[in-house]
């Protein structure tokens, strides 16, 4: 499973730190999700990230 978090974050000109603060999750989690290192996470974390990016959870999944 690959997420489009990095692409969406960069499109909004946000740093990993800014996204982590806005989402209320650690920068390490953001980094691992972006790199594909962490592919198993909670729905709550994905919801927080999606909300911080201003999108739906389904939009952060790569097709």
C-alpha atoms as a PDB file:
ATOM      1  CA  UNK A   1       0.000   0.000   0.000  1.00  0.00           C
ATOM      2  CA  UNK A   2       1.406   3.357  -1.004  1.00  0.00           C
ATOM      3  CA  UNK A   3      -0.020   6.654   0.157  1.00  0.00           C
ATOM      4  CA  UNK A   4      -0.060   9.961  -1.749  1.00  0.00           C
ATOM      5  CA  UNK A   5       0.605  11.957   1.408  1.00  0.00           C
ATOM      6  CA  UNK A   6       3.949  13.384   0.253  1.00  0.00           C
ATOM      7  CA  UNK A   7       2.585  14.546  -3.099  1.00  0.00           C
ATOM      8  CA  UNK A   8      -0.441  16.153  -1.449  1.00  0.00           C
ATOM      9  CA  UNK A   9       1.670  17.753   1.296  1.00  0.00           C
ATOM     10  CA  UNK A  10       4.139  19.216  -1.199  1.00  0.00           C
ATOM     11  CA  UNK A  11       1.277  20.512  -3.353  1.00  0.00           C
ATOM     12  CA  UNK A  12       0.125  22.491  -0.306  1.00  0.00           C
ATOM     13  CA  UNK A  13       3.725  23.651   0.310  1.00  0.00           C
ATOM     14  CA  UNK A  14       3.759  22.080   3.760  1.00  0.00           C
ATOM     15  CA  UNK A  15       6.721  20.570   5.555  1.00  0.00           C
ATOM     16  CA  UNK A  16       6.431  17.226   7.318  1.00  0.00           C
ATOM     17  CA  UNK A  17       6.702  19.152  10.577  1.00  0.00           C
ATOM     18  CA  UNK A  18       3.813  21.470   9.650  1.00  0.00           C
ATOM     19  CA  UNK A  19       1.640  18.539   8.601  1.00  0.00           C
ATOM     20  CA  UNK A  20       2.431  16.600  11.763  1.00  0.00           C
ATOM     21  CA  UNK A  21       1.526  19.599  13.933  1.00  0.00           C
ATOM     22  CA  UNK A  22      -1.714  20.264  12.057  1.00  0.00           C
ATOM     23  CA  UNK A  23      -2.689  16.577  12.098  1.00  0.00           C
ATOM     24  CA  UNK A  24      -1.627  15.958  15.689  1.00  0.00           C
ATOM     25  CA  UNK A  25       0.598  12.992  14.796  1.00  0.00           C
ATOM     26  CA  UNK A  26       4.366  12.684  15.018  1.00  0.00           C
ATOM     27  CA  UNK A  27       6.639  13.737  12.169  1.00  0.00           C
ATOM     28  CA  UNK A  28       8.152  10.251  12.296  1.00  0.00           C
ATOM     29  CA  UNK A  29       4.768   8.726  11.419  1.00  0.00           C
ATOM     30  CA  UNK A  30       4.341  11.183   8.532  1.00  0.00           C
ATOM     31  CA  UNK A  31       7.823  10.295   7.287  1.00  0.00           C
ATOM     32  CA  UNK A  32       7.209   6.537   7.496  1.00  0.00           C
ATOM     33  CA  UNK A  33       3.836   6.811   5.745  1.00  0.00           C
ATOM     34  CA  UNK A  34       5.366   8.897   2.956  1.00  0.00           C
ATOM     35  CA  UNK A  35       8.292   6.539   2.430  1.00  0.00           C
ATOM     36  CA  UNK A  36       6.094   3.447   2.474  1.00  0.00           C
ATOM     37  CA  UNK A  37       8.047   2.146   5.466  1.00  0.00           C
ATOM     38  CA  UNK A  38       4.871   2.151   7.560  1.00  0.00           C
ATOM     39  CA  UNK A  39       1.951   0.693   5.669  1.00  0.00           C
ATOM     40  CA  UNK A  40      -0.210  -0.374   8.590  1.00  0.00           C
ATOM     41  CA  UNK A  41      -1.732   2.471  10.560  1.00  0.00           C
ATOM     42  CA  UNK A  42      -4.981   3.306  12.258  1.00  0.00           C
ATOM     43  CA  UNK A  43      -8.011   4.801  10.585  1.00  0.00           C
ATOM     44  CA  UNK A  44      -7.824   7.584  13.163  1.00  0.00           C
ATOM     45  CA  UNK A  45      -4.290   8.534  12.031  1.00  0.00           C
ATOM     46  CA  UNK A  46      -5.290   8.507   8.362  1.00  0.00           C
ATOM     47  CA  UNK A  47      -8.341  10.631   9.186  1.00  0.00           C
ATOM     48  CA  UNK A  48      -6.202  13.171  11.050  1.00  0.00           C
ATOM     49  CA  UNK A  49      -3.744  13.390   8.138  1.00  0.00           C
ATOM     50  CA  UNK A  50      -6.524  13.686   5.568  1.00  0.00           C
ATOM     51  CA  UNK A  51      -8.239  16.438   7.580  1.00  0.00           C
ATOM     52  CA  UNK A  52      -4.940  18.326   7.893  1.00  0.00           C
ATOM     53  CA  UNK A  53      -4.509  18.061   4.119  1.00  0.00           C
ATOM     54  CA  UNK A  54      -8.100  19.132   3.509  1.00  0.00           C
ATOM     55  CA  UNK A  55      -9.115  15.953   1.734  1.00  0.00           C
ATOM     56  CA  UNK A  56     -10.943  12.661   2.225  1.00  0.00           C
ATOM     57  CA  UNK A  57      -9.115   9.593   3.493  1.00  0.00           C
ATOM     58  CA  UNK A  58      -9.803   7.814   0.198  1.00  0.00           C
ATOM     59  CA  UNK A  59      -7.865  10.527  -1.655  1.00  0.00           C
ATOM     60  CA  UNK A  60      -4.570   9.730   0.087  1.00  0.00           C
ATOM     61  CA  UNK A  61      -4.431   6.187  -1.266  1.00  0.00           C
ATOM     62  CA  UNK A  62      -2.488   5.528  -4.468  1.00  0.00           C
ATOM     63  CA  UNK A  63      -4.408   3.682  -7.132  1.00  0.00           C
END
